[in-house]
Amino acid sequence: MRKEVVDYIHSKQDLKNFIRVQPAWYRILSKNPHQLDKFEAASINHYEKTVHHQVQRFSNGVQMASMMMQMFQAMNDSQ
C-alpha cells in the first residue's frame, strides 16, 4: 500500500480500527488507492457518524424525553 495512504489511515483512529475490522479494504486500497474516499465513507457509515445517524439519535432522544414528560404528567395527574 502507498505510504501516503498508510499515513492517512494511521492519522485517524476510526480508519485504523475500521481497516482492522474490515481487512478486505486493505487489499482494495493496495490495488486501488484512489478508492480512499469510498473507504472513508464506509468507515463513517460503519461507525454511524453520518448526518442521518446523528439526526436519528437526536430524534430518539427527543422521543424519549417526550415519553418521560408524559409519564411524569400522568403520575402527577393521578395524585
C-alpha atoms as a PDB file:
ATOM      1  CA  MET A   1       0.000   0.000   0.000  1.00  0.00           C
ATOM      2  CA  ARG A   2       1.226   3.506  -0.726  1.00  0.00           C
ATOM      3  CA  LYS A   3       2.948   5.314   2.109  1.00  0.00           C
ATOM      4  CA  GLU A   4       0.660   8.365   1.917  1.00  0.00           C
ATOM      5  CA  VAL A   5      -2.416   6.120   2.185  1.00  0.00           C
ATOM      6  CA  VAL A   6      -0.957   4.293   5.188  1.00  0.00           C
ATOM      7  CA  ASP A   7      -0.025   7.593   6.831  1.00  0.00           C
ATOM      8  CA  TYR A   8      -3.527   8.948   6.235  1.00  0.00           C
ATOM      9  CA  ILE A   9      -5.154   5.840   7.737  1.00  0.00           C
ATOM     10  CA  HIS A  10      -2.856   5.911  10.763  1.00  0.00           C
ATOM     11  CA  SER A  11      -3.615   9.599  11.331  1.00  0.00           C
ATOM     12  CA  LYS A  12      -7.264   8.803  12.106  1.00  0.00           C
ATOM     13  CA  GLN A  13      -8.101   6.279  14.806  1.00  0.00           C
ATOM     14  CA  ASP A  14     -11.509   5.349  13.335  1.00  0.00           C
ATOM     15  CA  LEU A  15      -9.945   4.468   9.972  1.00  0.00           C
ATOM     16  CA  LYS A  16      -7.238   2.481  11.678  1.00  0.00           C
ATOM     17  CA  ASN A  17      -9.802   0.465  13.641  1.00  0.00           C
ATOM     18  CA  PHE A  18     -12.070   0.048  10.623  1.00  0.00           C
ATOM     19  CA  ILE A  19      -9.333  -1.465   8.462  1.00  0.00           C
ATOM     20  CA  ARG A  20      -8.716  -3.986  11.260  1.00  0.00           C
ATOM     21  CA  VAL A  21     -12.406  -4.896  11.328  1.00  0.00           C
ATOM     22  CA  GLN A  22     -12.699  -4.977   7.521  1.00  0.00           C
ATOM     23  CA  PRO A  23      -9.330  -6.278   6.207  1.00  0.00           C
ATOM     24  CA  ALA A  24     -10.725  -6.573   2.679  1.00  0.00           C
ATOM     25  CA  TRP A  25     -10.256  -2.809   2.433  1.00  0.00           C
ATOM     26  CA  TYR A  26      -6.501  -3.277   2.857  1.00  0.00           C
ATOM     27  CA  ARG A  27      -6.428  -5.340  -0.327  1.00  0.00           C
ATOM     28  CA  ILE A  28      -8.731  -2.922  -2.150  1.00  0.00           C
ATOM     29  CA  LEU A  29      -6.628   0.102  -1.197  1.00  0.00           C
ATOM     30  CA  SER A  30      -3.401  -1.702  -2.109  1.00  0.00           C
ATOM     31  CA  LYS A  31      -4.694  -2.218  -5.643  1.00  0.00           C
ATOM     32  CA  ASN A  32      -6.738   0.992  -5.987  1.00  0.00           C
ATOM     33  CA  PRO A  33      -5.517   3.768  -3.662  1.00  0.00           C
ATOM     34  CA  HIS A  34      -7.902   6.209  -5.367  1.00  0.00           C
ATOM     35  CA  GLN A  35     -10.781   4.466  -3.531  1.00  0.00           C
ATOM     36  CA  LEU A  36      -9.743   6.088  -0.270  1.00  0.00           C
ATOM     37  CA  ASP A  37     -12.906   8.224  -0.355  1.00  0.00           C
ATOM     38  CA  LYS A  38     -15.093   5.108  -0.551  1.00  0.00           C
ATOM     39  CA  PHE A  39     -13.117   3.564   2.306  1.00  0.00           C
ATOM     40  CA  GLU A  40     -13.620   6.642   4.454  1.00  0.00           C
ATOM     41  CA  ALA A  41     -17.347   6.738   3.608  1.00  0.00           C
ATOM     42  CA  ALA A  42     -17.688   3.058   4.546  1.00  0.00           C
ATOM     43  CA  SER A  43     -15.923   3.763   7.830  1.00  0.00           C
ATOM     44  CA  ILE A  44     -18.199   6.700   8.654  1.00  0.00           C
ATOM     45  CA  ASN A  45     -21.240   4.588   7.843  1.00  0.00           C
ATOM     46  CA  HIS A  46     -19.917   1.659   9.916  1.00  0.00           C
ATOM     47  CA  TYR A  47     -19.394   3.852  12.989  1.00  0.00           C
ATOM     48  CA  GLU A  48     -22.752   5.601  12.359  1.00  0.00           C
ATOM     49  CA  LYS A  49     -21.291   9.098  12.121  1.00  0.00           C
ATOM     50  CA  THR A  50     -23.304  10.229   9.114  1.00  0.00           C
ATOM     51  CA  VAL A  51     -25.737  13.147   9.364  1.00  0.00           C
ATOM     52  CA  HIS A  52     -28.613  10.693   9.036  1.00  0.00           C
ATOM     53  CA  HIS A  53     -27.418   8.704  12.042  1.00  0.00           C
ATOM     54  CA  GLN A  54     -26.882  11.858  14.121  1.00  0.00           C
ATOM     55  CA  VAL A  55     -30.386  13.115  13.328  1.00  0.00           C
ATOM     56  CA  GLN A  56     -31.813   9.709  14.168  1.00  0.00           C
ATOM     57  CA  ARG A  57     -30.012   9.661  17.542  1.00  0.00           C
ATOM     58  CA  PHE A  58     -31.254  13.177  18.301  1.00  0.00           C
ATOM     59  CA  SER A  59     -34.804  12.227  17.314  1.00  0.00           C
ATOM     60  CA  ASN A  60     -34.685   9.152  19.541  1.00  0.00           C
ATOM     61  CA  GLY A  61     -33.504  11.325  22.440  1.00  0.00           C
ATOM     62  CA  VAL A  62     -36.349  13.793  21.904  1.00  0.00           C
ATOM     63  CA  GLN A  63     -38.876  10.956  21.751  1.00  0.00           C
ATOM     64  CA  MET A  64     -37.501   9.505  24.985  1.00  0.00           C
ATOM     65  CA  ALA A  65     -37.701  12.879  26.721  1.00  0.00           C
ATOM     66  CA  SER A  66     -41.269  13.337  25.470  1.00  0.00           C
ATOM     67  CA  MET A  67     -42.300   9.939  26.795  1.00  0.00           C
ATOM     68  CA  MET A  68     -40.727  10.729  30.170  1.00  0.00           C
ATOM     69  CA  MET A  69     -42.593  14.043  30.357  1.00  0.00           C
ATOM     70  CA  GLN A  70     -45.885  12.320  29.547  1.00  0.00           C
ATOM     71  CA  MET A  71     -45.183   9.702  32.182  1.00  0.00           C
ATOM     72  CA  PHE A  72     -44.424  12.347  34.825  1.00  0.00           C
ATOM     73  CA  GLN A  73     -47.556  14.285  33.885  1.00  0.00           C
ATOM     74  CA  ALA A  74     -49.654  11.126  34.155  1.00  0.00           C
ATOM     75  CA  MET A  75     -48.153  10.411  37.585  1.00  0.00           C
ATOM     76  CA  ASN A  76     -48.896  13.965  38.760  1.00  0.00           C
ATOM     77  CA  ASP A  77     -52.441  13.839  37.386  1.00  0.00           C
ATOM     78  CA  SER A  78     -53.212  10.596  39.215  1.00  0.00           C
ATOM     79  CA  GLN A  79     -52.151  12.063  42.584  1.00  0.00           C
END
